[in-house]
Amino acid sequence: MMPSKKDRVGPDCQRSTTQELLIQILGTAHGADSLWKHVNGDLGRLAVMGPEELIQVRGLGMERATRLLATWELSKRLSLDRMRLEQRVLQSSSEAARFLQDQIGHLDHEVFCVLYLNRALRMIRLEQVSQGGITGTVADPRIIFRKALSLRAVSMIVGHNHPSGALYPSQADRELTQKIQKAAEFFDITLHDHLIVTREGYYSFADEGLI
């Protein structure tokens, strides 16, 4: 026997607006409204707010700010674990780019990641190999391939974000890609792509014929 509508417990999150979800997380309509106004209705802006900025929003405080940050971090980990559980095959640059956008596209600092893949192009692991500032980060190919060998990966996709929103590679990006590609050939590992991601889009070295 199906429960009546009156007896059902819990919110219908799929039909809730973003503000309604914030109310459910924070436990305060006033705080949720203040926060949503603070970011001008921009969920991406909300994603990069740190604890210092969050606690300045009227109606939040440290406890609610911490709760929100924990919820955001959990959502990213669930996205990563879902991909691992589904053993999704990354067959296109667009599919890999969408995944990286979810993980790092919203960050206000640059990070460099590697998607290690098996022979069937299924993801073994996502590894962050370096982290920098607003303008750049430096990835060490030795770290990249040490991990590839330990995971017995046969191919990989590398990627990093551009907090500035610019989608074109710098000269440093091009030179690093060449270094990684040469090392991959030495270790008999296939480099499928180097992706640059932002909140709005992506750039694929493979699609542009640079790999």
C-alpha atoms as a PDB file:
ATOM      1  CA  MET A   1       0.000   0.000   0.000  1.00  0.00           C
ATOM      2  CA  MET A   2       1.471   3.335  -1.060  1.00  0.00           C
ATOM      3  CA  PRO A   3       1.680   6.029   1.651  1.00  0.00           C
ATOM      4  CA  SER A   4      -0.611   8.989   1.253  1.00  0.00           C
ATOM      5  CA  LYS A   5       0.835  12.347   0.299  1.00  0.00           C
ATOM      6  CA  LYS A   6       0.269  13.467   3.888  1.00  0.00           C
ATOM      7  CA  ASP A   7       2.315  10.542   5.263  1.00  0.00           C
ATOM      8  CA  ARG A   8       5.316  10.958   3.000  1.00  0.00           C
ATOM      9  CA  VAL A   9       8.409  12.280   4.735  1.00  0.00           C
ATOM     10  CA  GLY A  10      11.155  14.548   3.363  1.00  0.00           C
ATOM     11  CA  PRO A  11      11.372  17.318   0.794  1.00  0.00           C
ATOM     12  CA  ASP A  12      11.063  16.756  -2.950  1.00  0.00           C
ATOM     13  CA  CYS A  13      14.573  18.015  -3.700  1.00  0.00           C
ATOM     14  CA  GLN A  14      14.312  17.544  -7.451  1.00  0.00           C
ATOM     15  CA  ARG A  15      11.465  20.069  -7.614  1.00  0.00           C
ATOM     16  CA  SER A  16      12.904  22.512  -5.090  1.00  0.00           C
ATOM     17  CA  THR A  17      14.406  25.798  -6.207  1.00  0.00           C
ATOM     18  CA  THR A  18      18.003  26.577  -5.291  1.00  0.00           C
ATOM     19  CA  GLN A  19      16.807  28.963  -2.579  1.00  0.00           C
ATOM     20  CA  GLU A  20      14.539  26.290  -1.117  1.00  0.00           C
ATOM     21  CA  LEU A  21      17.453  23.845  -1.032  1.00  0.00           C
ATOM     22  CA  LEU A  22      19.578  26.448   0.752  1.00  0.00           C
ATOM     23  CA  ILE A  23      16.836  26.861   3.349  1.00  0.00           C
ATOM     24  CA  GLN A  24      16.802  23.101   3.915  1.00  0.00           C
ATOM     25  CA  ILE A  25      20.585  22.999   4.300  1.00  0.00           C
ATOM     26  CA  LEU A  26      20.955  26.105   6.449  1.00  0.00           C
ATOM     27  CA  GLY A  27      17.750  25.821   8.439  1.00  0.00           C
ATOM     28  CA  THR A  28      16.962  29.518   8.044  1.00  0.00           C
ATOM     29  CA  ALA A  29      14.981  31.291   5.348  1.00  0.00           C
ATOM     30  CA  HIS A  30      16.496  34.644   6.326  1.00  0.00           C
ATOM     31  CA  GLY A  31      20.067  33.381   6.003  1.00  0.00           C
ATOM     32  CA  ALA A  32      19.353  31.599   2.731  1.00  0.00           C
ATOM     33  CA  ASP A  33      17.749  34.716   1.252  1.00  0.00           C
ATOM     34  CA  SER A  34      20.666  36.903   2.376  1.00  0.00           C
ATOM     35  CA  LEU A  35      23.169  34.478   0.895  1.00  0.00           C
ATOM     36  CA  TRP A  36      21.342  34.197  -2.436  1.00  0.00           C
ATOM     37  CA  LYS A  37      21.213  37.990  -2.710  1.00  0.00           C
ATOM     38  CA  HIS A  38      24.905  38.217  -1.769  1.00  0.00           C
ATOM     39  CA  VAL A  39      25.890  36.078  -4.801  1.00  0.00           C
ATOM     40  CA  ASN A  40      23.260  37.686  -7.085  1.00  0.00           C
ATOM     41  CA  GLY A  41      21.684  34.293  -7.757  1.00  0.00           C
ATOM     42  CA  ASP A  42      24.955  32.880  -9.119  1.00  0.00           C
ATOM     43  CA  LEU A  43      25.484  29.299  -7.932  1.00  0.00           C
ATOM     44  CA  GLY A  44      29.015  29.273  -9.333  1.00  0.00           C
ATOM     45  CA  ARG A  45      29.837  32.346  -7.245  1.00  0.00           C
ATOM     46  CA  LEU A  46      28.496  30.560  -4.189  1.00  0.00           C
ATOM     47  CA  ALA A  47      30.715  27.544  -4.917  1.00  0.00           C
ATOM     48  CA  VAL A  48      33.947  29.525  -4.527  1.00  0.00           C
ATOM     49  CA  MET A  49      33.047  31.358  -1.309  1.00  0.00           C
ATOM     50  CA  GLY A  50      35.318  30.551   1.607  1.00  0.00           C
ATOM     51  CA  PRO A  51      34.406  30.451   5.306  1.00  0.00           C
ATOM     52  CA  GLU A  52      35.655  33.994   5.932  1.00  0.00           C
ATOM     53  CA  GLU A  53      33.263  35.446   3.354  1.00  0.00           C
ATOM     54  CA  LEU A  54      30.339  33.193   4.271  1.00  0.00           C
ATOM     55  CA  ILE A  55      30.316  34.187   7.926  1.00  0.00           C
ATOM     56  CA  GLN A  56      29.994  37.833   6.907  1.00  0.00           C
ATOM     57  CA  VAL A  57      26.586  37.115   5.332  1.00  0.00           C
ATOM     58  CA  ARG A  58      23.786  38.209   7.655  1.00  0.00           C
ATOM     59  CA  GLY A  59      21.997  35.274   9.237  1.00  0.00           C
ATOM     60  CA  LEU A  60      24.691  32.617   8.725  1.00  0.00           C
ATOM     61  CA  GLY A  61      27.530  32.432  11.239  1.00  0.00           C
ATOM     62  CA  MET A  62      30.297  29.850  11.493  1.00  0.00           C
ATOM     63  CA  GLU A  63      28.098  26.808  12.138  1.00  0.00           C
ATOM     64  CA  ARG A  64      25.875  27.323   9.094  1.00  0.00           C
ATOM     65  CA  ALA A  65      28.842  28.344   6.919  1.00  0.00           C
ATOM     66  CA  THR A  66      30.628  25.125   7.859  1.00  0.00           C
ATOM     67  CA  ARG A  67      27.487  23.115   7.107  1.00  0.00           C
ATOM     68  CA  LEU A  68      27.207  24.673   3.646  1.00  0.00           C
ATOM     69  CA  LEU A  69      30.890  24.077   2.830  1.00  0.00           C
ATOM     70  CA  ALA A  70      30.587  20.449   3.946  1.00  0.00           C
ATOM     71  CA  THR A  71      27.508  19.970   1.744  1.00  0.00           C
ATOM     72  CA  TRP A  72      29.305  21.417  -1.275  1.00  0.00           C
ATOM     73  CA  GLU A  73      32.363  19.208  -0.725  1.00  0.00           C
ATOM     74  CA  LEU A  74      30.148  16.143  -0.311  1.00  0.00           C
ATOM     75  CA  SER A  75      28.399  16.846  -3.615  1.00  0.00           C
ATOM     76  CA  LYS A  76      31.756  16.913  -5.434  1.00  0.00           C
ATOM     77  CA  ARG A  77      32.817  13.639  -3.836  1.00  0.00           C
ATOM     78  CA  LEU A  78      29.502  12.013  -4.721  1.00  0.00           C
ATOM     79  CA  SER A  79      29.987  13.068  -8.348  1.00  0.00           C
ATOM     80  CA  LEU A  80      33.447  11.499  -8.369  1.00  0.00           C
ATOM     81  CA  ASP A  81      32.324   8.286  -6.643  1.00  0.00           C
ATOM     82  CA  ARG A  82      29.323   7.965  -8.979  1.00  0.00           C
ATOM     83  CA  MET A  83      31.657   8.058 -11.929  1.00  0.00           C
ATOM     84  CA  ARG A  84      33.882   5.404 -10.351  1.00  0.00           C
ATOM     85  CA  LEU A  85      30.939   3.158  -9.502  1.00  0.00           C
ATOM     86  CA  GLU A  86      29.460   3.475 -12.960  1.00  0.00           C
ATOM     87  CA  GLN A  87      32.940   2.919 -14.432  1.00  0.00           C
ATOM     88  CA  ARG A  88      32.017   5.437 -17.083  1.00  0.00           C
ATOM     89  CA  VAL A  89      33.880   5.203 -20.359  1.00  0.00           C
ATOM     90  CA  LEU A  90      35.370   8.554 -21.374  1.00  0.00           C
ATOM     91  CA  GLN A  91      35.005   8.407 -25.129  1.00  0.00           C
ATOM     92  CA  SER A  92      34.996  12.112 -25.968  1.00  0.00           C
ATOM     93  CA  SER A  93      36.645  15.347 -24.931  1.00  0.00           C
ATOM     94  CA  SER A  94      33.236  16.844 -24.104  1.00  0.00           C
ATOM     95  CA  GLU A  95      32.391  14.076 -21.638  1.00  0.00           C
ATOM     96  CA  ALA A  96      35.746  14.368 -19.855  1.00  0.00           C
ATOM     97  CA  ALA A  97      35.488  18.174 -19.862  1.00  0.00           C
ATOM     98  CA  ARG A  98      32.023  18.132 -18.262  1.00  0.00           C
ATOM     99  CA  PHE A  99      33.341  15.929 -15.492  1.00  0.00           C
ATOM    100  CA  LEU A 100      36.360  18.184 -14.879  1.00  0.00           C
ATOM    101  CA  GLN A 101      34.138  21.267 -14.917  1.00  0.00           C
ATOM    102  CA  ASP A 102      32.120  19.777 -12.062  1.00  0.00           C
ATOM    103  CA  GLN A 103      35.293  19.089 -10.100  1.00  0.00           C
ATOM    104  CA  ILE A 104      37.501  22.142 -10.715  1.00  0.00           C
ATOM    105  CA  GLY A 105      35.783  24.543 -13.136  1.00  0.00           C
ATOM    106  CA  HIS A 106      34.369  26.722 -10.346  1.00  0.00           C
ATOM    107  CA  LEU A 107      37.597  27.178  -8.363  1.00  0.00           C
ATOM    108  CA  ASP A 108      39.181  30.607  -7.943  1.00  0.00           C
ATOM    109  CA  HIS A 109      42.710  29.152  -8.033  1.00  0.00           C
ATOM    110  CA  GLU A 110      44.361  26.976 -10.665  1.00  0.00           C
ATOM    111  CA  VAL A 111      44.759  23.224 -10.186  1.00  0.00           C
ATOM    112  CA  PHE A 112      46.158  20.532 -12.467  1.00  0.00           C
ATOM    113  CA  CYS A 113      44.476  17.108 -12.533  1.00  0.00           C
ATOM    114  CA  VAL A 114      44.988  13.776 -14.241  1.00  0.00           C
ATOM    115  CA  LEU A 115      42.310  11.257 -15.171  1.00  0.00           C
ATOM    116  CA  TYR A 116      44.024   7.859 -15.174  1.00  0.00           C
ATOM    117  CA  LEU A 117      42.301   5.329 -17.438  1.00  0.00           C
ATOM    118  CA  ASN A 118      42.449   1.592 -18.077  1.00  0.00           C
ATOM    119  CA  ARG A 119      42.532  -0.139 -21.447  1.00  0.00           C
ATOM    120  CA  ALA A 120      38.755   0.226 -21.844  1.00  0.00           C
ATOM    121  CA  LEU A 121      38.966   4.008 -21.209  1.00  0.00           C
ATOM    122  CA  ARG A 122      37.311   3.594 -17.829  1.00  0.00           C
ATOM    123  CA  MET A 123      38.521   5.918 -15.100  1.00  0.00           C
ATOM    124  CA  ILE A 124      40.787   4.371 -12.491  1.00  0.00           C
ATOM    125  CA  ARG A 125      41.301   7.531 -10.483  1.00  0.00           C
ATOM    126  CA  LEU A 126      41.247  11.310 -10.602  1.00  0.00           C
ATOM    127  CA  GLU A 127      44.388  12.831  -9.068  1.00  0.00           C
ATOM    128  CA  GLN A 128      45.178  16.468  -8.361  1.00  0.00           C
ATOM    129  CA  VAL A 129      48.908  16.763  -8.964  1.00  0.00           C
ATOM    130  CA  SER A 130      49.447  20.480  -8.368  1.00  0.00           C
ATOM    131  CA  GLN A 131      47.760  23.597  -7.079  1.00  0.00           C
ATOM    132  CA  GLY A 132      48.665  27.198  -7.707  1.00  0.00           C
ATOM    133  CA  GLY A 133      47.319  30.693  -7.521  1.00  0.00           C
ATOM    134  CA  ILE A 134      44.972  32.729  -9.669  1.00  0.00           C
ATOM    135  CA  THR A 135      47.366  32.973 -12.613  1.00  0.00           C
ATOM    136  CA  GLY A 136      48.906  29.521 -12.851  1.00  0.00           C
ATOM    137  CA  THR A 137      50.237  26.252 -11.499  1.00  0.00           C
ATOM    138  CA  VAL A 138      53.156  24.016 -12.409  1.00  0.00           C
ATOM    139  CA  ALA A 139      52.695  20.261 -12.874  1.00  0.00           C
ATOM    140  CA  ASP A 140      55.684  17.924 -12.570  1.00  0.00           C
ATOM    141  CA  PRO A 141      55.618  15.130 -15.200  1.00  0.00           C
ATOM    142  CA  ARG A 142      57.605  12.891 -12.819  1.00  0.00           C
ATOM    143  CA  ILE A 143      54.742  12.963 -10.318  1.00  0.00           C
ATOM    144  CA  ILE A 144      52.202  12.344 -13.085  1.00  0.00           C
ATOM    145  CA  PHE A 145      53.924   9.227 -14.418  1.00  0.00           C
ATOM    146  CA  ARG A 146      54.958   7.841 -11.030  1.00  0.00           C
ATOM    147  CA  LYS A 147      51.255   7.670 -10.182  1.00  0.00           C
ATOM    148  CA  ALA A 148      50.369   6.306 -13.635  1.00  0.00           C
ATOM    149  CA  LEU A 149      52.793   3.411 -13.198  1.00  0.00           C
ATOM    150  CA  SER A 150      51.607   2.656  -9.653  1.00  0.00           C
ATOM    151  CA  LEU A 151      47.988   2.543 -10.874  1.00  0.00           C
ATOM    152  CA  ARG A 152      48.939   0.533 -13.978  1.00  0.00           C
ATOM    153  CA  ALA A 153      47.143   3.059 -16.129  1.00  0.00           C
ATOM    154  CA  VAL A 154      47.503   2.587 -19.874  1.00  0.00           C
ATOM    155  CA  SER A 155      46.148   6.006 -20.857  1.00  0.00           C
ATOM    156  CA  MET A 156      45.209   9.310 -19.353  1.00  0.00           C
ATOM    157  CA  ILE A 157      43.659  12.732 -19.808  1.00  0.00           C
ATOM    158  CA  VAL A 158      45.248  15.744 -18.159  1.00  0.00           C
ATOM    159  CA  GLY A 159      43.445  18.960 -17.424  1.00  0.00           C
ATOM    160  CA  HIS A 160      43.510  22.203 -15.518  1.00  0.00           C
ATOM    161  CA  ASN A 161      41.209  25.142 -14.894  1.00  0.00           C
ATOM    162  CA  HIS A 162      41.573  28.799 -15.837  1.00  0.00           C
ATOM    163  CA  PRO A 163      39.949  30.910 -13.088  1.00  0.00           C
ATOM    164  CA  SER A 164      40.163  33.947 -15.391  1.00  0.00           C
ATOM    165  CA  GLY A 165      37.663  32.322 -17.753  1.00  0.00           C
ATOM    166  CA  ALA A 166      40.111  32.419 -20.686  1.00  0.00           C
ATOM    167  CA  LEU A 167      39.913  29.233 -22.743  1.00  0.00           C
ATOM    168  CA  TYR A 168      43.030  29.519 -24.881  1.00  0.00           C
ATOM    169  CA  PRO A 169      46.272  27.810 -23.785  1.00  0.00           C
ATOM    170  CA  SER A 170      49.300  29.818 -22.778  1.00  0.00           C
ATOM    171  CA  GLN A 171      52.764  29.083 -24.125  1.00  0.00           C
ATOM    172  CA  ALA A 172      53.520  27.371 -20.806  1.00  0.00           C
ATOM    173  CA  ASP A 173      50.434  25.163 -21.292  1.00  0.00           C
ATOM    174  CA  ARG A 174      51.672  24.154 -24.749  1.00  0.00           C
ATOM    175  CA  GLU A 175      55.192  23.383 -23.558  1.00  0.00           C
ATOM    176  CA  LEU A 176      53.946  21.316 -20.622  1.00  0.00           C
ATOM    177  CA  THR A 177      51.682  19.337 -22.943  1.00  0.00           C
ATOM    178  CA  GLN A 178      54.637  18.522 -25.188  1.00  0.00           C
ATOM    179  CA  LYS A 179      56.682  17.344 -22.193  1.00  0.00           C
ATOM    180  CA  ILE A 180      53.874  15.122 -20.958  1.00  0.00           C
ATOM    181  CA  GLN A 181      53.279  13.704 -24.428  1.00  0.00           C
ATOM    182  CA  LYS A 182      56.967  12.810 -24.897  1.00  0.00           C
ATOM    183  CA  ALA A 183      57.092  11.146 -21.476  1.00  0.00           C
ATOM    184  CA  ALA A 184      53.880   9.249 -22.223  1.00  0.00           C
ATOM    185  CA  GLU A 185      55.404   7.839 -25.407  1.00  0.00           C
ATOM    186  CA  PHE A 186      58.477   6.704 -23.446  1.00  0.00           C
ATOM    187  CA  PHE A 187      56.316   4.839 -20.915  1.00  0.00           C
ATOM    188  CA  ASP A 188      53.968   3.504 -23.607  1.00  0.00           C
ATOM    189  CA  ILE A 189      51.030   5.374 -22.075  1.00  0.00           C
ATOM    190  CA  THR A 190      48.520   7.126 -24.329  1.00  0.00           C
ATOM    191  CA  LEU A 191      47.832  10.798 -23.669  1.00  0.00           C
ATOM    192  CA  HIS A 192      44.318  11.276 -25.055  1.00  0.00           C
ATOM    193  CA  ASP A 193      43.870  14.949 -24.312  1.00  0.00           C
ATOM    194  CA  HIS A 194      44.801  18.029 -22.336  1.00  0.00           C
ATOM    195  CA  LEU A 195      41.700  19.966 -21.316  1.00  0.00           C
ATOM    196  CA  ILE A 196      41.425  23.520 -20.082  1.00  0.00           C
ATOM    197  CA  VAL A 197      38.118  24.088 -18.290  1.00  0.00           C
ATOM    198  CA  THR A 198      36.241  27.091 -16.963  1.00  0.00           C
ATOM    199  CA  ARG A 199      32.761  27.414 -15.512  1.00  0.00           C
ATOM    200  CA  GLU A 200      31.335  28.117 -18.968  1.00  0.00           C
ATOM    201  CA  GLY A 201      33.353  25.989 -21.382  1.00  0.00           C
ATOM    202  CA  TYR A 202      36.460  24.022 -22.246  1.00  0.00           C
ATOM    203  CA  TYR A 203      39.395  23.848 -24.658  1.00  0.00           C
ATOM    204  CA  SER A 204      40.628  20.502 -25.985  1.00  0.00           C
ATOM    205  CA  PHE A 205      44.203  20.113 -27.261  1.00  0.00           C
ATOM    206  CA  ALA A 206      43.124  16.930 -29.050  1.00  0.00           C
ATOM    207  CA  ASP A 207      40.174  18.579 -30.803  1.00  0.00           C
ATOM    208  CA  GLU A 208      42.492  21.366 -31.971  1.00  0.00           C
ATOM    209  CA  GLY A 209      45.014  18.872 -33.360  1.00  0.00           C
ATOM    210  CA  LEU A 210      47.709  19.696 -30.798  1.00  0.00           C
ATOM    211  CA  ILE A 211      47.956  16.124 -29.510  1.00  0.00           C
END
